[in-house]
Amino acid sequence: MNRVFLAGRLKTKPEVVYTPKGKKFVLFPLWVDEGDFRIDVEYTGERDTAHLSDKVGKELMISGMLIKTKTKSRDVFTLKAHKIYWMEE
């Protein structure tokens, strides 16, 4: 089973892209303070995608699955998000 939950902060404005067939993807980095790293998130759901730009600087938790892609120089991990949970302040 490949299911992870990561909590972090949205520090930059998400990028909305579309496939040639019109499927919408939202891409953004999740910054994790504990461990001081970032992981790229790919989200295809519709929940709160219109308001993600308003959430820059806010904490969130994401459930999803890790996807590994090999490049020439290293392995890259992306979090394919299933759900986004906004943390209370």
N, C-alpha and C. Protein backbone atom coordinates (compact mmCIF):
# COMPACT_ATOMS: atom_id res chain seq x y z
N MET A 1 0.84 -1.17 0.00
CA MET A 1 0.00 0.00 0.00
C MET A 1 0.89 1.23 0.00
N ASN A 2 0.53 2.22 -0.80
CA ASN A 2 1.29 3.45 -0.91
C ASN A 2 0.37 4.61 -0.54
N ARG A 3 0.27 4.91 0.75
CA ARG A 3 -0.57 6.01 1.22
C ARG A 3 0.25 6.80 2.23
N VAL A 4 0.39 8.10 1.98
CA VAL A 4 1.15 8.95 2.89
C VAL A 4 0.31 10.16 3.29
N PHE A 5 0.63 10.71 4.44
CA PHE A 5 0.05 11.97 4.91
C PHE A 5 1.23 12.89 5.22
N LEU A 6 1.27 14.04 4.58
CA LEU A 6 2.33 15.02 4.84
C LEU A 6 1.69 16.35 5.21
N ALA A 7 2.25 16.97 6.24
CA ALA A 7 1.80 18.30 6.64
C ALA A 7 2.90 19.28 6.32
N GLY A 8 2.52 20.44 5.83
CA GLY A 8 3.50 21.45 5.48
C GLY A 8 2.82 22.77 5.20
N ARG A 9 3.53 23.61 4.46
CA ARG A 9 3.04 24.97 4.21
C ARG A 9 3.06 25.23 2.70
N LEU A 10 2.04 25.90 2.24
CA LEU A 10 1.96 26.36 0.86
C LEU A 10 2.65 27.72 0.79
N LYS A 11 3.84 27.78 0.19
CA LYS A 11 4.62 29.02 0.19
C LYS A 11 4.56 29.77 -1.13
N THR A 12 4.14 29.10 -2.20
CA THR A 12 4.07 29.77 -3.50
C THR A 12 2.72 29.52 -4.15
N LYS A 13 2.37 30.38 -5.07
CA LYS A 13 1.09 30.28 -5.77
C LYS A 13 1.07 29.02 -6.63
N PRO A 14 0.03 28.20 -6.52
CA PRO A 14 -0.07 26.98 -7.32
C PRO A 14 -0.20 27.29 -8.80
N GLU A 15 0.25 26.35 -9.61
CA GLU A 15 0.17 26.47 -11.07
C GLU A 15 -0.93 25.54 -11.57
N VAL A 16 -1.83 26.07 -12.37
CA VAL A 16 -2.90 25.27 -12.96
C VAL A 16 -2.52 24.97 -14.40
N VAL A 17 -2.50 23.67 -14.74
CA VAL A 17 -2.17 23.25 -16.11
C VAL A 17 -3.26 22.31 -16.60
N TYR A 18 -3.36 22.20 -17.90
CA TYR A 18 -4.36 21.33 -18.53
C TYR A 18 -3.67 20.37 -19.50
N THR A 19 -4.15 19.13 -19.53
CA THR A 19 -3.66 18.16 -20.50
C THR A 19 -4.27 18.50 -21.86
N PRO A 20 -3.76 17.91 -22.94
CA PRO A 20 -4.36 18.13 -24.26
C PRO A 20 -5.84 17.75 -24.32
N LYS A 21 -6.26 16.82 -23.46
CA LYS A 21 -7.67 16.42 -23.43
C LYS A 21 -8.50 17.28 -22.48
N GLY A 22 -7.89 18.29 -21.87
CA GLY A 22 -8.62 19.22 -21.03
C GLY A 22 -8.70 18.88 -19.55
N LYS A 23 -7.98 17.84 -19.11
CA LYS A 23 -8.00 17.50 -17.69
C LYS A 23 -7.15 18.51 -16.91
N LYS A 24 -7.70 18.99 -15.80
CA LYS A 24 -7.06 20.02 -14.99
C LYS A 24 -6.15 19.40 -13.93
N PHE A 25 -4.94 19.95 -13.80
CA PHE A 25 -3.99 19.58 -12.75
C PHE A 25 -3.57 20.84 -12.03
N VAL A 26 -3.42 20.73 -10.72
CA VAL A 26 -2.87 21.83 -9.92
C VAL A 26 -1.54 21.33 -9.38
N LEU A 27 -0.49 22.10 -9.62
CA LEU A 27 0.86 21.73 -9.19
C LEU A 27 1.39 22.79 -8.23
N PHE A 28 1.98 22.31 -7.12
CA PHE A 28 2.58 23.24 -6.16
C PHE A 28 3.55 22.49 -5.27
N PRO A 29 4.56 23.20 -4.74
CA PRO A 29 5.47 22.57 -3.78
C PRO A 29 4.91 22.66 -2.37
N LEU A 30 5.04 21.58 -1.61
CA LEU A 30 4.67 21.55 -0.20
C LEU A 30 5.97 21.65 0.59
N TRP A 31 6.08 22.67 1.42
CA TRP A 31 7.28 22.89 2.23
C TRP A 31 7.07 22.29 3.61
N VAL A 32 7.94 21.36 3.97
CA VAL A 32 7.85 20.66 5.26
C VAL A 32 8.97 21.19 6.16
N ASP A 33 8.58 21.85 7.27
CA ASP A 33 9.56 22.45 8.17
C ASP A 33 10.41 21.40 8.87
N GLU A 34 9.77 20.35 9.37
CA GLU A 34 10.52 19.29 10.04
C GLU A 34 11.26 18.50 8.96
N GLY A 35 12.55 18.64 8.91
CA GLY A 35 13.34 17.99 7.88
C GLY A 35 13.79 18.97 6.81
N ASP A 36 13.18 20.16 6.79
CA ASP A 36 13.56 21.23 5.88
C ASP A 36 13.66 20.74 4.43
N PHE A 37 12.53 20.28 3.88
CA PHE A 37 12.52 19.85 2.49
C PHE A 37 11.20 20.23 1.84
N ARG A 38 11.17 20.11 0.53
CA ARG A 38 9.94 20.35 -0.20
C ARG A 38 9.66 19.15 -1.09
N ILE A 39 8.39 18.95 -1.36
CA ILE A 39 7.98 17.89 -2.27
C ILE A 39 6.93 18.47 -3.21
N ASP A 40 7.05 18.14 -4.48
CA ASP A 40 6.10 18.64 -5.46
C ASP A 40 4.80 17.86 -5.36
N VAL A 41 3.69 18.58 -5.38
CA VAL A 41 2.36 17.99 -5.24
C VAL A 41 1.60 18.15 -6.56
N GLU A 42 0.94 17.07 -6.95
CA GLU A 42 0.08 17.09 -8.13
C GLU A 42 -1.32 16.74 -7.67
N TYR A 43 -2.28 17.64 -7.92
CA TYR A 43 -3.65 17.44 -7.44
C TYR A 43 -4.62 17.56 -8.61
N THR A 44 -5.47 16.56 -8.77
CA THR A 44 -6.43 16.58 -9.87
C THR A 44 -7.86 16.77 -9.39
N GLY A 45 -8.07 16.88 -8.10
CA GLY A 45 -9.41 17.06 -7.57
C GLY A 45 -9.92 18.47 -7.79
N GLU A 46 -11.16 18.68 -7.48
CA GLU A 46 -11.78 19.99 -7.67
C GLU A 46 -11.89 20.79 -6.39
N ARG A 47 -11.68 20.15 -5.24
CA ARG A 47 -11.90 20.83 -3.96
C ARG A 47 -10.92 21.98 -3.77
N ASP A 48 -11.47 23.17 -3.59
CA ASP A 48 -10.70 24.38 -3.25
C ASP A 48 -9.64 24.79 -4.26
N THR A 49 -9.66 24.26 -5.46
CA THR A 49 -8.61 24.64 -6.41
C THR A 49 -8.73 26.10 -6.81
N ALA A 50 -9.93 26.64 -6.84
CA ALA A 50 -10.10 28.05 -7.21
C ALA A 50 -9.53 28.98 -6.15
N HIS A 51 -9.45 28.51 -4.89
CA HIS A 51 -9.02 29.37 -3.80
C HIS A 51 -7.61 29.04 -3.30
N LEU A 52 -6.90 28.17 -3.99
CA LEU A 52 -5.55 27.81 -3.54
C LEU A 52 -4.62 29.02 -3.53
N SER A 53 -4.76 29.91 -4.48
CA SER A 53 -3.89 31.09 -4.53
C SER A 53 -4.07 31.97 -3.30
N ASP A 54 -5.27 31.95 -2.71
CA ASP A 54 -5.54 32.73 -1.51
C ASP A 54 -4.93 32.10 -0.26
N LYS A 55 -4.48 30.86 -0.36
CA LYS A 55 -3.99 30.10 0.80
C LYS A 55 -2.47 30.13 0.94
N VAL A 56 -1.77 30.92 0.12
CA VAL A 56 -0.32 30.98 0.22
C VAL A 56 0.08 31.41 1.62
N GLY A 57 0.99 30.68 2.23
CA GLY A 57 1.43 30.94 3.59
C GLY A 57 0.70 30.11 4.63
N LYS A 58 -0.34 29.42 4.25
CA LYS A 58 -1.14 28.62 5.18
C LYS A 58 -0.60 27.19 5.28
N GLU A 59 -0.92 26.55 6.40
CA GLU A 59 -0.54 25.16 6.61
C GLU A 59 -1.63 24.24 6.09
N LEU A 60 -1.21 23.11 5.55
CA LEU A 60 -2.14 22.12 5.05
C LEU A 60 -1.57 20.73 5.24
N MET A 61 -2.45 19.76 5.19
CA MET A 61 -2.04 18.36 5.23
C MET A 61 -2.60 17.71 3.97
N ILE A 62 -1.79 16.86 3.38
CA ILE A 62 -2.18 16.21 2.13
C ILE A 62 -2.09 14.71 2.30
N SER A 63 -3.14 14.02 1.86
CA SER A 63 -3.06 12.56 1.79
C SER A 63 -2.95 12.20 0.32
N GLY A 64 -2.14 11.21 0.05
CA GLY A 64 -1.94 10.81 -1.33
C GLY A 64 -0.95 9.68 -1.44
N MET A 65 -0.34 9.58 -2.62
CA MET A 65 0.57 8.49 -2.91
C MET A 65 1.84 9.06 -3.51
N LEU A 66 2.98 8.49 -3.12
CA LEU A 66 4.26 8.93 -3.65
C LEU A 66 4.52 8.27 -5.00
N ILE A 67 4.95 9.07 -5.95
CA ILE A 67 5.28 8.60 -7.29
C ILE A 67 6.77 8.89 -7.51
N LYS A 68 7.53 7.88 -7.90
CA LYS A 68 8.96 8.06 -8.15
C LYS A 68 9.22 8.10 -9.65
N THR A 69 9.97 9.12 -10.06
CA THR A 69 10.36 9.27 -11.46
C THR A 69 11.88 9.30 -11.52
N LYS A 70 12.45 8.49 -12.41
CA LYS A 70 13.91 8.48 -12.56
C LYS A 70 14.32 9.52 -13.59
N THR A 71 15.33 10.31 -13.24
CA THR A 71 15.95 11.22 -14.20
C THR A 71 17.38 10.74 -14.40
N LYS A 72 18.10 11.39 -15.26
CA LYS A 72 19.49 10.98 -15.52
C LYS A 72 20.36 11.11 -14.28
N SER A 73 20.10 12.16 -13.48
CA SER A 73 21.00 12.41 -12.35
C SER A 73 20.48 11.90 -11.01
N ARG A 74 19.15 11.72 -10.87
CA ARG A 74 18.64 11.31 -9.56
C ARG A 74 17.19 10.85 -9.67
N ASP A 75 16.68 10.33 -8.56
CA ASP A 75 15.26 9.98 -8.47
C ASP A 75 14.50 11.19 -7.92
N VAL A 76 13.32 11.42 -8.45
CA VAL A 76 12.49 12.54 -8.02
C VAL A 76 11.17 11.97 -7.54
N PHE A 77 10.71 12.45 -6.37
CA PHE A 77 9.43 12.01 -5.82
C PHE A 77 8.40 13.13 -5.94
N THR A 78 7.20 12.75 -6.32
CA THR A 78 6.06 13.65 -6.39
C THR A 78 4.95 13.06 -5.55
N LEU A 79 4.21 13.90 -4.87
CA LEU A 79 3.07 13.45 -4.08
C LEU A 79 1.81 13.66 -4.92
N LYS A 80 1.19 12.57 -5.34
CA LYS A 80 -0.06 12.64 -6.08
C LYS A 80 -1.17 12.70 -5.04
N ALA A 81 -1.73 13.90 -4.87
CA ALA A 81 -2.67 14.16 -3.79
C ALA A 81 -4.06 13.62 -4.11
N HIS A 82 -4.65 13.00 -3.09
CA HIS A 82 -6.05 12.58 -3.18
C HIS A 82 -6.95 13.56 -2.46
N LYS A 83 -6.47 14.08 -1.32
CA LYS A 83 -7.25 15.03 -0.53
C LYS A 83 -6.33 16.08 0.06
N ILE A 84 -6.87 17.29 0.19
CA ILE A 84 -6.16 18.39 0.83
C ILE A 84 -6.97 18.82 2.04
N TYR A 85 -6.30 18.91 3.18
CA TYR A 85 -6.94 19.33 4.43
C TYR A 85 -6.27 20.63 4.88
N TRP A 86 -7.05 21.67 5.07
CA TRP A 86 -6.50 22.94 5.56
C TRP A 86 -6.44 22.91 7.07
N MET A 87 -5.30 23.29 7.61
CA MET A 87 -5.09 23.26 9.06
C MET A 87 -5.65 24.54 9.67
N GLU A 88 -6.18 24.42 10.88
CA GLU A 88 -6.68 25.57 11.61
C GLU A 88 -5.50 26.30 12.23
N GLU A 89 -5.66 27.59 12.35
CA GLU A 89 -4.56 28.39 12.92
C GLU A 89 -4.81 28.68 14.36
